[in-house]
């Protein structure tokens, strides 16, 4: 999933995205109702978009992606 999205990035950026994705995923897994393959895909897509815009801080990638998926999930809960 992630490899095909990040293959155009330099290896160090690929590593940062993978690290941030795994960190965010571990946080989300604490809530069993929140875990789904599509959610992980959305995390990855958001991180790739941010990295393409120049963001290389794994903590910022994680926080932004978590914000996006939580915001989207909240819209479905209403």
N, C-alpha and C. Protein backbone atom coordinates (compact mmCIF):
# COMPACT_ATOMS: atom_id res chain seq x y z
N UNK A 1 0.83 -1.20 0.00
CA UNK A 1 0.00 0.00 0.00
C UNK A 1 0.86 1.25 0.00
N UNK A 2 1.73 1.39 0.99
CA UNK A 2 2.52 2.60 1.12
C UNK A 2 3.64 2.68 0.10
N UNK A 3 4.25 1.55 -0.24
CA UNK A 3 5.38 1.56 -1.16
C UNK A 3 5.06 2.20 -2.50
N UNK A 4 3.91 1.88 -3.06
CA UNK A 4 3.57 2.44 -4.37
C UNK A 4 3.31 3.94 -4.29
N UNK A 5 2.89 4.43 -3.14
CA UNK A 5 2.62 5.85 -2.98
C UNK A 5 3.88 6.66 -2.72
N UNK A 6 4.90 6.03 -2.15
CA UNK A 6 6.09 6.78 -1.74
C UNK A 6 7.31 6.54 -2.62
N UNK A 7 7.18 5.72 -3.64
CA UNK A 7 8.36 5.34 -4.42
C UNK A 7 9.06 6.51 -5.09
N UNK A 8 8.38 7.63 -5.28
CA UNK A 8 9.01 8.80 -5.91
C UNK A 8 9.77 9.67 -4.91
N UNK A 9 9.63 9.38 -3.63
CA UNK A 9 10.34 10.14 -2.60
C UNK A 9 11.72 9.55 -2.36
N UNK A 10 12.66 10.38 -1.90
CA UNK A 10 13.97 9.83 -1.52
C UNK A 10 13.80 8.83 -0.35
N UNK A 11 14.73 7.90 -0.21
CA UNK A 11 14.60 6.87 0.83
C UNK A 11 14.39 7.43 2.24
N UNK A 12 15.06 8.53 2.57
CA UNK A 12 14.91 9.06 3.93
C UNK A 12 13.49 9.59 4.18
N UNK A 13 12.85 10.14 3.15
CA UNK A 13 11.47 10.61 3.29
C UNK A 13 10.52 9.41 3.35
N UNK A 14 10.80 8.38 2.57
CA UNK A 14 10.00 7.16 2.64
C UNK A 14 10.03 6.59 4.05
N UNK A 15 11.21 6.60 4.65
CA UNK A 15 11.36 6.08 6.01
C UNK A 15 10.57 6.93 7.00
N UNK A 16 10.63 8.25 6.87
CA UNK A 16 9.90 9.15 7.76
C UNK A 16 8.39 8.93 7.67
N UNK A 17 7.89 8.76 6.45
CA UNK A 17 6.46 8.53 6.25
C UNK A 17 6.07 7.19 6.88
N UNK A 18 6.86 6.16 6.64
CA UNK A 18 6.56 4.83 7.20
C UNK A 18 6.57 4.87 8.73
N UNK A 19 7.53 5.58 9.31
CA UNK A 19 7.62 5.71 10.76
C UNK A 19 6.38 6.43 11.30
N UNK A 20 6.03 7.55 10.68
CA UNK A 20 4.87 8.33 11.12
C UNK A 20 3.58 7.53 10.97
N UNK A 21 3.46 6.79 9.88
CA UNK A 21 2.27 5.97 9.67
C UNK A 21 2.13 4.90 10.74
N UNK A 22 3.20 4.21 11.02
CA UNK A 22 3.15 3.16 12.04
C UNK A 22 2.84 3.74 13.42
N UNK A 23 3.42 4.89 13.73
CA UNK A 23 3.16 5.54 15.01
C UNK A 23 1.69 5.95 15.13
N UNK A 24 1.15 6.54 14.08
CA UNK A 24 -0.26 6.94 14.09
C UNK A 24 -1.17 5.72 14.17
N UNK A 25 -0.82 4.67 13.44
CA UNK A 25 -1.63 3.46 13.44
C UNK A 25 -1.68 2.83 14.83
N UNK A 26 -0.54 2.80 15.50
CA UNK A 26 -0.50 2.24 16.86
C UNK A 26 -1.40 3.04 17.79
N UNK A 27 -1.44 4.36 17.62
CA UNK A 27 -2.32 5.18 18.43
C UNK A 27 -3.79 4.89 18.14
N UNK A 28 -4.14 4.75 16.88
CA UNK A 28 -5.53 4.48 16.52
C UNK A 28 -5.98 3.09 16.94
N UNK A 29 -5.06 2.14 16.97
CA UNK A 29 -5.41 0.76 17.32
C UNK A 29 -5.88 0.62 18.76
N UNK A 30 -5.67 1.65 19.56
CA UNK A 30 -6.15 1.60 20.94
C UNK A 30 -7.68 1.62 20.99
N UNK A 31 -8.29 2.10 19.91
CA UNK A 31 -9.75 2.13 19.81
C UNK A 31 -10.17 1.11 18.76
N UNK A 32 -10.58 -0.09 19.18
CA UNK A 32 -10.90 -1.16 18.22
C UNK A 32 -11.99 -0.77 17.22
N UNK A 33 -12.86 0.15 17.59
CA UNK A 33 -13.92 0.56 16.67
C UNK A 33 -13.39 1.45 15.55
N UNK A 34 -12.20 2.00 15.75
CA UNK A 34 -11.65 2.94 14.76
C UNK A 34 -10.79 2.25 13.72
N UNK A 35 -10.43 1.01 13.95
CA UNK A 35 -9.45 0.34 13.09
C UNK A 35 -10.11 -0.29 11.87
N UNK A 36 -9.62 0.10 10.70
CA UNK A 36 -10.06 -0.52 9.45
C UNK A 36 -8.99 -0.28 8.40
N UNK A 37 -8.90 -1.14 7.39
CA UNK A 37 -7.91 -0.94 6.33
C UNK A 37 -8.08 0.41 5.62
N UNK A 38 -9.32 0.84 5.45
CA UNK A 38 -9.53 2.12 4.76
C UNK A 38 -9.03 3.29 5.60
N UNK A 39 -9.07 3.14 6.91
CA UNK A 39 -8.56 4.19 7.79
C UNK A 39 -7.04 4.29 7.66
N UNK A 40 -6.38 3.16 7.62
CA UNK A 40 -4.93 3.17 7.47
C UNK A 40 -4.55 3.75 6.10
N UNK A 41 -5.34 3.43 5.09
CA UNK A 41 -5.10 3.98 3.75
C UNK A 41 -5.24 5.50 3.77
N UNK A 42 -6.23 6.01 4.49
CA UNK A 42 -6.43 7.46 4.57
C UNK A 42 -5.28 8.12 5.31
N UNK A 43 -4.78 7.48 6.37
CA UNK A 43 -3.60 7.99 7.06
C UNK A 43 -2.42 8.11 6.09
N UNK A 44 -2.19 7.02 5.35
CA UNK A 44 -1.07 7.00 4.41
C UNK A 44 -1.22 8.06 3.34
N UNK A 45 -2.40 8.18 2.77
CA UNK A 45 -2.63 9.17 1.71
C UNK A 45 -2.41 10.59 2.20
N UNK A 46 -2.89 10.87 3.41
CA UNK A 46 -2.70 12.20 3.97
C UNK A 46 -1.22 12.50 4.18
N UNK A 47 -0.49 11.53 4.70
CA UNK A 47 0.94 11.74 4.94
C UNK A 47 1.70 11.93 3.64
N UNK A 48 1.35 11.18 2.63
CA UNK A 48 2.01 11.32 1.32
C UNK A 48 1.73 12.70 0.73
N UNK A 49 0.49 13.16 0.85
CA UNK A 49 0.16 14.50 0.35
C UNK A 49 0.97 15.57 1.07
N UNK A 50 1.08 15.46 2.37
CA UNK A 50 1.85 16.44 3.14
C UNK A 50 3.33 16.38 2.78
N UNK A 51 3.85 15.17 2.63
CA UNK A 51 5.27 15.03 2.27
C UNK A 51 5.53 15.60 0.88
N UNK A 52 4.57 15.43 -0.02
CA UNK A 52 4.71 15.99 -1.37
C UNK A 52 4.75 17.51 -1.32
N UNK A 53 4.11 18.09 -0.32
CA UNK A 53 4.13 19.54 -0.14
C UNK A 53 5.36 20.02 0.63
N UNK A 54 6.22 19.07 1.01
CA UNK A 54 7.48 19.44 1.65
C UNK A 54 7.59 19.14 3.13
N UNK A 55 6.54 18.62 3.74
CA UNK A 55 6.61 18.32 5.17
C UNK A 55 7.46 17.06 5.39
N UNK A 56 8.45 17.16 6.29
CA UNK A 56 9.33 16.03 6.54
C UNK A 56 9.45 15.72 8.04
N UNK A 57 8.66 16.36 8.85
CA UNK A 57 8.67 16.12 10.29
C UNK A 57 7.67 15.00 10.60
N UNK A 58 8.15 13.84 11.07
CA UNK A 58 7.24 12.72 11.32
C UNK A 58 6.14 13.04 12.32
N UNK A 59 6.44 13.85 13.32
CA UNK A 59 5.42 14.20 14.31
C UNK A 59 4.31 15.04 13.67
N UNK A 60 4.69 15.96 12.80
CA UNK A 60 3.69 16.78 12.11
C UNK A 60 2.87 15.93 11.14
N UNK A 61 3.53 14.99 10.46
CA UNK A 61 2.81 14.09 9.57
C UNK A 61 1.78 13.28 10.35
N UNK A 62 2.20 12.75 11.48
CA UNK A 62 1.31 11.94 12.31
C UNK A 62 0.13 12.77 12.80
N UNK A 63 0.43 13.92 13.39
CA UNK A 63 -0.65 14.75 13.96
C UNK A 63 -1.66 15.18 12.90
N UNK A 64 -1.15 15.61 11.75
CA UNK A 64 -2.06 16.07 10.69
C UNK A 64 -2.92 14.93 10.17
N UNK A 65 -2.32 13.77 9.96
CA UNK A 65 -3.08 12.63 9.44
C UNK A 65 -4.12 12.16 10.45
N UNK A 66 -3.75 12.12 11.72
CA UNK A 66 -4.72 11.74 12.75
C UNK A 66 -5.86 12.74 12.82
N UNK A 67 -5.55 14.00 12.69
CA UNK A 67 -6.59 15.03 12.69
C UNK A 67 -7.58 14.80 11.55
N UNK A 68 -7.05 14.53 10.36
CA UNK A 68 -7.90 14.32 9.19
C UNK A 68 -8.81 13.12 9.38
N UNK A 69 -8.26 11.99 9.81
CA UNK A 69 -9.11 10.80 9.93
C UNK A 69 -10.10 10.92 11.08
N UNK A 70 -9.70 11.57 12.15
CA UNK A 70 -10.63 11.75 13.26
C UNK A 70 -11.74 12.72 12.90
N UNK A 71 -11.39 13.76 12.17
CA UNK A 71 -12.39 14.73 11.72
C UNK A 71 -13.39 14.06 10.79
N UNK A 72 -12.88 13.28 9.86
CA UNK A 72 -13.75 12.58 8.92
C UNK A 72 -14.65 11.58 9.65
N UNK A 73 -14.07 10.86 10.60
CA UNK A 73 -14.83 9.88 11.37
C UNK A 73 -15.93 10.58 12.16
N UNK A 74 -15.63 11.74 12.73
CA UNK A 74 -16.62 12.50 13.47
C UNK A 74 -17.79 12.93 12.59
N UNK A 75 -17.52 13.20 11.34
CA UNK A 75 -18.58 13.59 10.41
C UNK A 75 -19.54 12.44 10.18
N UNK A 76 -19.02 11.20 10.22
CA UNK A 76 -19.89 10.03 10.02
C UNK A 76 -20.65 9.66 11.28
N UNK A 77 -20.12 10.09 12.43
CA UNK A 77 -20.76 9.76 13.71
C UNK A 77 -21.99 10.63 13.98
N UNK A 78 -22.08 11.76 13.30
CA UNK A 78 -23.18 12.71 13.56
C UNK A 78 -24.47 12.26 12.95
